[in-house]
Amino acid sequence: DFTHVGPPMGSFATTDPAGTDIAARSGLRSQIDGIESDGAGGWFVAPGSFIIASRGADELIHVLPDGTRDPNWHAPYFADKILAILRVGSRLFVAGSFYDNPAFADRGVVALDAATGALLPWYARLGGDPFNRVERLAAAGSRLYLVGAFTSVDGQARAGLAAVDVDTAAVQPAVLAI
């Protein structure tokens, strides 16, 4: 039961608290597969479609609390599908299938500086065939949990489930609790 229909706004827009007026739009044209709070009233928004495959339409963005796109936040361009994003403190973890970008070929997850979007030197090297990907992320304490299609992390056997250190990406001991 809609009480208001507005003009086309792309795939992400903000509304006023009553939900009646559109305050701002992001300019994204692709579907949205991930949204994460920035902890200060804004959002990180991840495109879910890699069909359009153009930087202006399909890039990870930061949306400010007023609903406008942050002009000072610049993440690397992920030509492949982003499957999950998760902010942990000052880091934004981006997970997906990044096989089209040679720089990310053995990564299924990267860490960005949440304030600037800059790629951080955090690196959990995944192994598997044919493609490494991380589909889900979760965090608890200093651990970042990775779920996806990979067989190892930094040479240690992990069958699609691993815990790595949030700060260093060091592989944590395998623990299985049932």
N, C-alpha and C. Protein backbone atom coordinates (compact mmCIF):
# COMPACT_ATOMS: atom_id res chain seq x y z
N ASP A 1 0.84 -1.19 0.00
CA ASP A 1 0.00 0.00 0.00
C ASP A 1 0.88 1.23 0.00
N PHE A 2 1.14 1.76 -1.19
CA PHE A 2 1.95 2.96 -1.30
C PHE A 2 1.07 4.20 -1.12
N THR A 3 1.60 5.18 -0.43
CA THR A 3 0.90 6.45 -0.31
C THR A 3 1.62 7.56 -1.07
N HIS A 4 2.82 7.23 -1.61
CA HIS A 4 3.59 8.23 -2.32
C HIS A 4 4.47 7.54 -3.36
N VAL A 5 4.48 8.07 -4.55
CA VAL A 5 5.38 7.59 -5.59
C VAL A 5 6.06 8.82 -6.18
N GLY A 6 7.39 8.79 -6.19
CA GLY A 6 8.13 9.95 -6.67
C GLY A 6 8.80 9.68 -8.00
N PRO A 7 9.63 10.62 -8.42
CA PRO A 7 10.34 10.44 -9.70
C PRO A 7 11.40 9.36 -9.59
N PRO A 8 11.87 8.82 -10.73
CA PRO A 8 12.94 7.82 -10.68
C PRO A 8 14.18 8.39 -10.00
N MET A 9 14.76 7.63 -9.08
CA MET A 9 15.88 8.12 -8.30
C MET A 9 17.11 7.24 -8.39
N GLY A 10 17.14 6.28 -9.29
CA GLY A 10 18.27 5.36 -9.31
C GLY A 10 18.02 4.25 -8.30
N SER A 11 19.07 3.60 -7.88
CA SER A 11 18.90 2.43 -7.02
C SER A 11 19.16 2.71 -5.55
N PHE A 12 19.50 3.95 -5.18
CA PHE A 12 19.65 4.29 -3.77
C PHE A 12 19.31 5.75 -3.57
N ALA A 13 18.40 6.01 -2.65
CA ALA A 13 18.03 7.38 -2.33
C ALA A 13 17.68 7.44 -0.86
N THR A 14 17.69 8.61 -0.29
CA THR A 14 17.29 8.80 1.10
C THR A 14 15.97 9.55 1.13
N THR A 15 15.24 9.34 2.20
CA THR A 15 13.96 10.03 2.38
C THR A 15 13.98 10.77 3.70
N ASP A 16 12.99 11.63 3.90
CA ASP A 16 12.87 12.29 5.19
C ASP A 16 12.37 11.28 6.22
N PRO A 17 12.38 11.62 7.51
CA PRO A 17 11.97 10.66 8.54
C PRO A 17 10.56 10.10 8.35
N ALA A 18 9.67 10.85 7.72
CA ALA A 18 8.31 10.36 7.50
C ALA A 18 8.23 9.46 6.27
N GLY A 19 9.31 9.43 5.48
CA GLY A 19 9.33 8.58 4.30
C GLY A 19 8.52 9.13 3.14
N THR A 20 8.23 10.42 3.15
CA THR A 20 7.38 10.98 2.11
C THR A 20 8.14 11.76 1.04
N ASP A 21 9.24 12.42 1.41
CA ASP A 21 9.97 13.22 0.44
C ASP A 21 11.37 12.68 0.26
N ILE A 22 11.80 12.62 -0.98
CA ILE A 22 13.14 12.15 -1.27
C ILE A 22 14.11 13.29 -1.02
N ALA A 23 15.09 13.02 -0.15
CA ALA A 23 16.05 14.06 0.22
C ALA A 23 17.20 14.15 -0.77
N ALA A 24 17.71 13.03 -1.22
CA ALA A 24 18.85 13.03 -2.12
C ALA A 24 18.98 11.68 -2.79
N ARG A 25 19.72 11.65 -3.86
CA ARG A 25 19.96 10.39 -4.57
C ARG A 25 21.44 10.20 -4.81
N SER A 26 21.85 8.97 -4.94
CA SER A 26 23.26 8.64 -5.08
C SER A 26 23.77 8.72 -6.51
N GLY A 27 22.91 8.50 -7.48
CA GLY A 27 23.34 8.45 -8.86
C GLY A 27 23.67 7.05 -9.34
N LEU A 28 23.65 6.06 -8.45
CA LEU A 28 23.91 4.69 -8.89
C LEU A 28 22.77 4.21 -9.78
N ARG A 29 23.13 3.45 -10.82
CA ARG A 29 22.13 2.92 -11.73
C ARG A 29 22.00 1.41 -11.64
N SER A 30 22.92 0.75 -10.98
CA SER A 30 22.86 -0.71 -10.89
C SER A 30 22.04 -1.12 -9.67
N GLN A 31 21.77 -2.42 -9.58
CA GLN A 31 21.12 -2.91 -8.38
C GLN A 31 22.07 -2.77 -7.21
N ILE A 32 21.54 -2.78 -6.00
CA ILE A 32 22.34 -2.65 -4.79
C ILE A 32 22.37 -4.00 -4.09
N ASP A 33 23.56 -4.51 -3.82
CA ASP A 33 23.68 -5.79 -3.12
C ASP A 33 24.25 -5.64 -1.72
N GLY A 34 24.74 -4.46 -1.37
CA GLY A 34 25.29 -4.29 -0.04
C GLY A 34 25.15 -2.86 0.43
N ILE A 35 24.79 -2.73 1.69
CA ILE A 35 24.73 -1.41 2.31
C ILE A 35 25.20 -1.57 3.75
N GLU A 36 26.03 -0.65 4.17
CA GLU A 36 26.63 -0.75 5.50
C GLU A 36 26.71 0.65 6.10
N SER A 37 26.35 0.79 7.34
CA SER A 37 26.44 2.08 8.02
C SER A 37 27.90 2.52 8.12
N ASP A 38 28.12 3.83 8.02
CA ASP A 38 29.47 4.35 8.24
C ASP A 38 29.69 4.71 9.70
N GLY A 39 28.68 4.54 10.54
CA GLY A 39 28.78 4.84 11.96
C GLY A 39 28.56 6.31 12.29
N ALA A 40 28.34 7.14 11.27
CA ALA A 40 28.17 8.58 11.50
C ALA A 40 26.96 9.13 10.75
N GLY A 41 25.98 8.26 10.45
CA GLY A 41 24.76 8.70 9.78
C GLY A 41 24.75 8.52 8.28
N GLY A 42 25.86 8.08 7.71
CA GLY A 42 25.94 7.84 6.27
C GLY A 42 26.01 6.35 5.99
N TRP A 43 26.27 6.01 4.72
CA TRP A 43 26.28 4.61 4.30
C TRP A 43 27.37 4.36 3.28
N PHE A 44 27.83 3.12 3.27
CA PHE A 44 28.63 2.61 2.17
C PHE A 44 27.67 1.77 1.34
N VAL A 45 27.66 1.99 0.04
CA VAL A 45 26.71 1.32 -0.83
C VAL A 45 27.48 0.58 -1.92
N ALA A 46 27.22 -0.72 -2.04
CA ALA A 46 27.91 -1.57 -3.00
C ALA A 46 26.96 -2.00 -4.11
N PRO A 47 27.39 -1.84 -5.35
CA PRO A 47 26.57 -2.30 -6.47
C PRO A 47 26.58 -3.82 -6.52
N GLY A 48 25.49 -4.39 -7.01
CA GLY A 48 25.42 -5.84 -7.09
C GLY A 48 25.47 -6.37 -8.49
N SER A 49 25.34 -5.51 -9.46
CA SER A 49 25.32 -5.96 -10.85
C SER A 49 26.59 -5.53 -11.54
N PHE A 50 27.23 -6.46 -12.23
CA PHE A 50 28.39 -6.10 -13.01
C PHE A 50 28.05 -6.11 -14.50
N ILE A 51 26.79 -6.06 -14.82
CA ILE A 51 26.36 -6.09 -16.21
C ILE A 51 26.63 -4.74 -16.89
N ILE A 52 26.38 -3.64 -16.20
CA ILE A 52 26.58 -2.32 -16.80
C ILE A 52 28.07 -2.06 -17.01
N ALA A 53 28.89 -2.49 -16.08
CA ALA A 53 30.35 -2.45 -16.20
C ALA A 53 30.90 -1.09 -16.62
N SER A 54 30.41 -0.07 -16.00
CA SER A 54 31.01 1.24 -16.21
C SER A 54 31.25 1.86 -14.84
N ARG A 55 32.33 2.55 -14.72
CA ARG A 55 32.73 3.08 -13.44
C ARG A 55 31.66 3.97 -12.81
N GLY A 56 31.03 4.82 -13.58
CA GLY A 56 30.03 5.73 -13.02
C GLY A 56 28.79 5.02 -12.54
N ALA A 57 28.47 3.89 -13.11
CA ALA A 57 27.24 3.18 -12.77
C ALA A 57 27.45 2.13 -11.70
N ASP A 58 28.62 1.55 -11.62
CA ASP A 58 28.83 0.38 -10.79
C ASP A 58 30.05 0.49 -9.89
N GLU A 59 30.12 1.51 -9.08
CA GLU A 59 31.25 1.58 -8.17
C GLU A 59 30.77 1.68 -6.73
N LEU A 60 31.60 1.21 -5.84
CA LEU A 60 31.35 1.30 -4.41
C LEU A 60 31.42 2.77 -4.02
N ILE A 61 30.41 3.26 -3.31
CA ILE A 61 30.39 4.68 -2.95
C ILE A 61 30.14 4.87 -1.46
N HIS A 62 30.42 6.07 -0.99
CA HIS A 62 30.08 6.50 0.36
C HIS A 62 29.03 7.58 0.22
N VAL A 63 27.91 7.39 0.92
CA VAL A 63 26.82 8.36 0.90
C VAL A 63 26.83 9.08 2.25
N LEU A 64 26.87 10.39 2.21
CA LEU A 64 26.91 11.21 3.42
C LEU A 64 25.54 11.23 4.11
N PRO A 65 25.48 11.66 5.38
CA PRO A 65 24.20 11.68 6.10
C PRO A 65 23.10 12.48 5.39
N ASP A 66 23.46 13.48 4.59
CA ASP A 66 22.45 14.27 3.89
C ASP A 66 21.98 13.59 2.61
N GLY A 67 22.50 12.39 2.33
CA GLY A 67 22.08 11.62 1.16
C GLY A 67 22.88 11.89 -0.09
N THR A 68 23.86 12.78 -0.03
CA THR A 68 24.68 13.05 -1.20
C THR A 68 25.90 12.14 -1.23
N ARG A 69 26.39 11.93 -2.42
CA ARG A 69 27.59 11.12 -2.60
C ARG A 69 28.81 11.88 -2.10
N ASP A 70 29.66 11.21 -1.33
CA ASP A 70 30.86 11.82 -0.77
C ASP A 70 31.89 12.04 -1.88
N PRO A 71 32.18 13.30 -2.25
CA PRO A 71 33.12 13.55 -3.35
C PRO A 71 34.57 13.29 -2.96
N ASN A 72 34.85 13.12 -1.68
CA ASN A 72 36.23 12.93 -1.21
C ASN A 72 36.56 11.47 -0.90
N TRP A 73 35.62 10.56 -1.16
CA TRP A 73 35.83 9.15 -0.85
C TRP A 73 36.01 8.40 -2.17
N HIS A 74 37.16 7.75 -2.33
CA HIS A 74 37.47 7.10 -3.61
C HIS A 74 37.98 5.68 -3.38
N ALA A 75 37.13 4.71 -3.61
CA ALA A 75 37.51 3.30 -3.50
C ALA A 75 38.07 2.82 -4.82
N PRO A 76 38.87 1.74 -4.80
CA PRO A 76 39.29 1.14 -6.07
C PRO A 76 38.05 0.68 -6.84
N TYR A 77 38.17 0.59 -8.13
CA TYR A 77 37.06 0.11 -8.94
C TYR A 77 37.09 -1.41 -8.98
N PHE A 78 36.00 -2.03 -8.59
CA PHE A 78 35.87 -3.48 -8.60
C PHE A 78 35.03 -3.84 -9.82
N ALA A 79 35.66 -4.30 -10.88
CA ALA A 79 34.94 -4.64 -12.11
C ALA A 79 34.07 -5.87 -11.92
N ASP A 80 34.38 -6.66 -10.93
CA ASP A 80 33.64 -7.90 -10.68
C ASP A 80 32.58 -7.65 -9.61
N LYS A 81 31.88 -8.70 -9.26
CA LYS A 81 30.75 -8.59 -8.35
C LYS A 81 31.19 -8.46 -6.89
N ILE A 82 30.71 -7.42 -6.23
CA ILE A 82 30.87 -7.28 -4.79
C ILE A 82 29.74 -8.06 -4.14
N LEU A 83 30.08 -8.99 -3.25
CA LEU A 83 29.08 -9.85 -2.63
C LEU A 83 28.74 -9.43 -1.20
N ALA A 84 29.65 -8.74 -0.52
CA ALA A 84 29.39 -8.32 0.86
C ALA A 84 30.32 -7.18 1.23
N ILE A 85 29.84 -6.31 2.10
CA ILE A 85 30.67 -5.27 2.69
C ILE A 85 30.41 -5.26 4.19
N LEU A 86 31.45 -4.94 4.96
CA LEU A 86 31.31 -4.91 6.41
C LEU A 86 32.31 -3.90 6.97
N ARG A 87 31.80 -2.95 7.76
CA ARG A 87 32.69 -1.99 8.42
C ARG A 87 33.04 -2.52 9.80
N VAL A 88 34.33 -2.54 10.08
CA VAL A 88 34.83 -2.92 11.40
C VAL A 88 35.79 -1.81 11.81
N GLY A 89 35.35 -0.96 12.74
CA GLY A 89 36.17 0.17 13.15
C GLY A 89 36.45 1.10 11.99
N SER A 90 37.72 1.35 11.73
CA SER A 90 38.10 2.28 10.67
C SER A 90 38.33 1.59 9.32
N ARG A 91 37.98 0.31 9.24
CA ARG A 91 38.15 -0.44 7.98
C ARG A 91 36.80 -0.82 7.38
N LEU A 92 36.76 -0.80 6.06
CA LEU A 92 35.61 -1.33 5.35
C LEU A 92 36.10 -2.52 4.56
N PHE A 93 35.60 -3.70 4.90
CA PHE A 93 35.98 -4.92 4.19
C PHE A 93 35.02 -5.12 3.02
N VAL A 94 35.59 -5.42 1.86
CA VAL A 94 34.82 -5.62 0.64
C VAL A 94 35.11 -7.03 0.16
N ALA A 95 34.07 -7.83 0.02
CA ALA A 95 34.22 -9.23 -0.38
C ALA A 95 33.52 -9.47 -1.70
N GLY A 96 34.04 -10.44 -2.46
CA GLY A 96 33.39 -10.77 -3.71
C GLY A 96 34.20 -11.72 -4.54
N SER A 97 33.93 -11.68 -5.83
CA SER A 97 34.68 -12.46 -6.80
C SER A 97 35.40 -11.47 -7.68
N PHE A 98 36.70 -11.33 -7.49
CA PHE A 98 37.48 -10.28 -8.13
C PHE A 98 38.43 -10.83 -9.18
N TYR A 99 38.03 -11.85 -9.91
CA TYR A 99 38.94 -12.51 -10.84
C TYR A 99 39.23 -11.70 -12.09
N ASP A 100 38.47 -10.67 -12.40
CA ASP A 100 38.76 -9.84 -13.57
C ASP A 100 39.84 -8.80 -13.31
N ASN A 101 40.21 -8.61 -12.05
CA ASN A 101 41.24 -7.63 -11.71
C ASN A 101 42.48 -8.39 -11.26
N PRO A 102 43.55 -8.40 -12.06
CA PRO A 102 44.75 -9.17 -11.72
C PRO A 102 45.33 -8.80 -10.35
N ALA A 103 45.18 -7.57 -9.93
CA ALA A 103 45.72 -7.16 -8.62
C ALA A 103 44.99 -7.84 -7.47
N PHE A 104 43.75 -8.28 -7.69
CA PHE A 104 42.95 -8.90 -6.63
C PHE A 104 42.68 -10.38 -6.89
N ALA A 105 43.37 -11.00 -7.85
CA ALA A 105 43.04 -12.35 -8.31
C ALA A 105 43.04 -13.39 -7.19
N ASP A 106 43.94 -13.30 -6.23
CA ASP A 106 43.96 -14.31 -5.16
C ASP A 106 43.39 -13.75 -3.86
N ARG A 107 42.59 -12.73 -3.99
CA ARG A 107 41.91 -12.16 -2.82
C ARG A 107 40.42 -12.36 -3.01
N GLY A 108 39.72 -12.65 -2.02
CA GLY A 108 38.26 -12.65 -2.07
C GLY A 108 37.74 -11.56 -1.19
N VAL A 109 38.67 -10.89 -0.51
CA VAL A 109 38.30 -9.79 0.38
C VAL A 109 39.47 -8.82 0.47
N VAL A 110 39.15 -7.55 0.46
CA VAL A 110 40.14 -6.50 0.63
C VAL A 110 39.67 -5.55 1.73
N ALA A 111 40.59 -4.77 2.25
CA ALA A 111 40.26 -3.79 3.28
C ALA A 111 40.52 -2.39 2.75
N LEU A 112 39.56 -1.52 2.99
CA LEU A 112 39.68 -0.13 2.60
C LEU A 112 39.67 0.74 3.85
N ASP A 113 40.31 1.89 3.75
CA ASP A 113 40.21 2.89 4.81
C ASP A 113 38.80 3.46 4.73
N ALA A 114 38.02 3.32 5.80
CA ALA A 114 36.63 3.77 5.77
C ALA A 114 36.51 5.27 5.59
N ALA A 115 37.51 6.04 6.00
CA ALA A 115 37.45 7.49 5.89
C ALA A 115 37.74 7.99 4.47
N THR A 116 38.59 7.26 3.72
CA THR A 116 39.02 7.76 2.41
C THR A 116 38.68 6.83 1.24
N GLY A 117 38.48 5.55 1.52
CA GLY A 117 38.27 4.56 0.46
C GLY A 117 39.55 3.96 -0.06
N ALA A 118 40.69 4.41 0.45
CA ALA A 118 41.99 3.92 -0.02
C ALA A 118 42.18 2.44 0.33
N LEU A 119 42.78 1.71 -0.59
CA LEU A 119 43.10 0.31 -0.36
C LEU A 119 44.18 0.21 0.70
N LEU A 120 43.95 -0.62 1.71
CA LEU A 120 44.92 -0.82 2.78
C LEU A 120 45.81 -2.01 2.47
N PRO A 121 46.99 -2.10 3.10
CA PRO A 121 47.90 -3.22 2.83
C PRO A 121 47.47 -4.54 3.49
N TRP A 122 46.29 -4.61 4.00
CA TRP A 122 45.73 -5.82 4.61
C TRP A 122 45.53 -6.85 3.49
N TYR A 123 46.00 -8.10 3.72
CA TYR A 123 46.00 -9.06 2.62
C TYR A 123 45.89 -10.50 3.13
N ALA A 124 44.76 -11.12 2.89
CA ALA A 124 44.55 -12.53 3.19
C ALA A 124 44.54 -13.28 1.86
N ARG A 125 45.63 -13.95 1.54
CA ARG A 125 45.79 -14.64 0.25
C ARG A 125 44.96 -15.93 0.24
N LEU A 126 44.02 -16.01 -0.69
CA LEU A 126 43.16 -17.18 -0.80
C LEU A 126 43.66 -18.12 -1.86
N GLY A 127 43.41 -19.40 -1.68
CA GLY A 127 43.75 -20.40 -2.67
C GLY A 127 42.50 -21.19 -3.03
N GLY A 128 42.44 -21.64 -4.25
CA GLY A 128 41.30 -22.42 -4.72
C GLY A 128 41.26 -22.42 -6.22
N ASP A 129 40.35 -23.17 -6.76
CA ASP A 129 40.25 -23.27 -8.20
C ASP A 129 38.79 -23.45 -8.58
N PRO A 130 38.27 -22.77 -9.59
CA PRO A 130 39.00 -21.88 -10.48
C PRO A 130 39.06 -20.45 -9.97
N PHE A 131 38.07 -20.01 -9.18
CA PHE A 131 38.04 -18.63 -8.72
C PHE A 131 37.89 -18.60 -7.21
N ASN A 132 38.58 -17.67 -6.60
CA ASN A 132 38.43 -17.46 -5.17
C ASN A 132 37.38 -16.39 -4.97
N ARG A 133 36.48 -16.63 -4.05
CA ARG A 133 35.53 -15.58 -3.73
C ARG A 133 35.08 -15.71 -2.28
N VAL A 134 34.79 -14.59 -1.69
CA VAL A 134 34.20 -14.54 -0.36
C VAL A 134 32.80 -14.01 -0.53
N GLU A 135 31.83 -14.75 0.00
CA GLU A 135 30.42 -14.41 -0.19
C GLU A 135 29.79 -13.75 1.02
N ARG A 136 30.32 -14.03 2.21
CA ARG A 136 29.76 -13.48 3.45
C ARG A 136 30.89 -13.08 4.37
N LEU A 137 30.65 -12.05 5.17
CA LEU A 137 31.60 -11.57 6.17
C LEU A 137 30.89 -11.41 7.50
N ALA A 138 31.61 -11.67 8.58
CA ALA A 138 31.12 -11.40 9.92
C ALA A 138 32.34 -11.08 10.78
N ALA A 139 32.14 -10.34 11.84
CA ALA A 139 33.26 -10.00 12.71
C ALA A 139 32.85 -10.19 14.17
N ALA A 140 33.81 -10.59 14.96
CA ALA A 140 33.64 -10.70 16.41
C ALA A 140 35.00 -10.44 17.03
N GLY A 141 35.09 -9.43 17.87
CA GLY A 141 36.36 -9.08 18.47
C GLY A 141 37.37 -8.72 17.40
N SER A 142 38.52 -9.36 17.45
CA SER A 142 39.57 -9.07 16.47
C SER A 142 39.55 -10.04 15.29
N ARG A 143 38.51 -10.83 15.17
CA ARG A 143 38.41 -11.81 14.09
C ARG A 143 37.43 -11.37 13.01
N LEU A 144 37.84 -11.59 11.77
CA LEU A 144 36.96 -11.40 10.62
C LEU A 144 36.72 -12.79 10.05
N TYR A 145 35.46 -13.19 9.95
CA TYR A 145 35.11 -14.50 9.43
C TYR A 145 34.76 -14.39 7.95
N LEU A 146 35.35 -15.30 7.17
CA LEU A 146 35.15 -15.34 5.73
C LEU A 146 34.43 -16.63 5.36
N VAL A 147 33.42 -16.52 4.53
CA VAL A 147 32.69 -17.68 4.02
C VAL A 147 32.64 -17.55 2.51
N GLY A 148 33.01 -18.62 1.81
CA GLY A 148 32.96 -18.54 0.35
C GLY A 148 33.53 -19.75 -0.34
N ALA A 149 34.03 -19.54 -1.54
CA ALA A 149 34.58 -20.61 -2.37
C ALA A 149 36.10 -20.45 -2.42
N PHE A 150 36.78 -21.05 -1.48
CA PHE A 150 38.24 -21.07 -1.42
C PHE A 150 38.64 -22.31 -0.63
N THR A 151 39.87 -22.77 -0.83
CA THR A 151 40.32 -23.98 -0.16
C THR A 151 41.43 -23.72 0.85
N SER A 152 42.03 -22.52 0.79
CA SER A 152 43.09 -22.20 1.73
C SER A 152 43.18 -20.68 1.93
N VAL A 153 43.80 -20.31 3.04
CA VAL A 153 44.10 -18.91 3.32
C VAL A 153 45.55 -18.87 3.76
N ASP A 154 46.36 -18.10 3.03
CA ASP A 154 47.80 -18.02 3.27
C ASP A 154 48.44 -19.39 3.40
N GLY A 155 48.02 -20.31 2.53
CA GLY A 155 48.60 -21.65 2.47
C GLY A 155 48.06 -22.62 3.50
N GLN A 156 47.19 -22.18 4.40
CA GLN A 156 46.61 -23.07 5.40
C GLN A 156 45.24 -23.54 4.92
N ALA A 157 45.02 -24.84 4.98
CA ALA A 157 43.77 -25.42 4.49
C ALA A 157 42.57 -24.85 5.23
N ARG A 158 41.63 -24.35 4.45
CA ARG A 158 40.36 -23.84 4.98
C ARG A 158 39.33 -24.08 3.88
N ALA A 159 38.37 -24.91 4.14
CA ALA A 159 37.39 -25.31 3.13
C ALA A 159 36.20 -24.35 3.11
N GLY A 160 36.43 -23.13 2.63
CA GLY A 160 35.34 -22.18 2.48
C GLY A 160 34.93 -21.45 3.74
N LEU A 161 35.63 -21.67 4.84
CA LEU A 161 35.32 -20.99 6.10
C LEU A 161 36.64 -20.71 6.81
N ALA A 162 36.87 -19.46 7.14
CA ALA A 162 38.12 -19.09 7.80
C ALA A 162 37.92 -17.89 8.69
N ALA A 163 38.81 -17.76 9.66
CA ALA A 163 38.88 -16.57 10.51
C ALA A 163 40.26 -15.96 10.32
N VAL A 164 40.29 -14.65 10.11
CA VAL A 164 41.55 -13.93 9.97
C VAL A 164 41.52 -12.74 10.93
N ASP A 165 42.70 -12.24 11.26
CA ASP A 165 42.81 -11.10 12.15
C ASP A 165 42.36 -9.83 11.43
N VAL A 166 41.53 -9.04 12.07
CA VAL A 166 41.00 -7.81 11.48
C VAL A 166 42.13 -6.83 11.14
N ASP A 167 43.16 -6.76 11.99
CA ASP A 167 44.23 -5.79 11.79
C ASP A 167 45.34 -6.27 10.86
N THR A 168 45.68 -7.57 10.93
CA THR A 168 46.86 -8.06 10.21
C THR A 168 46.55 -9.04 9.08
N ALA A 169 45.35 -9.57 9.03
CA ALA A 169 44.92 -10.60 8.07
C ALA A 169 45.55 -11.96 8.36
N ALA A 170 46.25 -12.10 9.48
CA ALA A 170 46.83 -13.39 9.85
C ALA A 170 45.72 -14.43 10.05
N VAL A 171 45.94 -15.63 9.54
CA VAL A 171 44.98 -16.70 9.67
C VAL A 171 44.89 -17.11 11.14
N GLN A 172 43.68 -17.25 11.62
CA GLN A 172 43.43 -17.67 13.00
C GLN A 172 43.24 -19.19 13.03
N PRO A 173 43.49 -19.82 14.16
CA PRO A 173 43.33 -21.27 14.25
C PRO A 173 41.91 -21.70 13.85
N ALA A 174 41.84 -22.83 13.18
CA ALA A 174 40.55 -23.37 12.79
C ALA A 174 39.83 -23.87 14.03
N VAL A 175 38.59 -23.43 14.18
CA VAL A 175 37.77 -23.86 15.32
C VAL A 175 36.42 -24.25 14.78
N LEU A 176 35.97 -25.43 15.15
CA LEU A 176 34.66 -25.89 14.73
C LEU A 176 33.86 -26.22 15.97
N ALA A 177 32.78 -25.51 16.17
CA ALA A 177 31.91 -25.76 17.32
C ALA A 177 30.54 -26.14 16.81
N ILE A 178 30.04 -27.25 17.31
CA ILE A 178 28.72 -27.72 16.89
C ILE A 178 27.79 -27.72 18.06
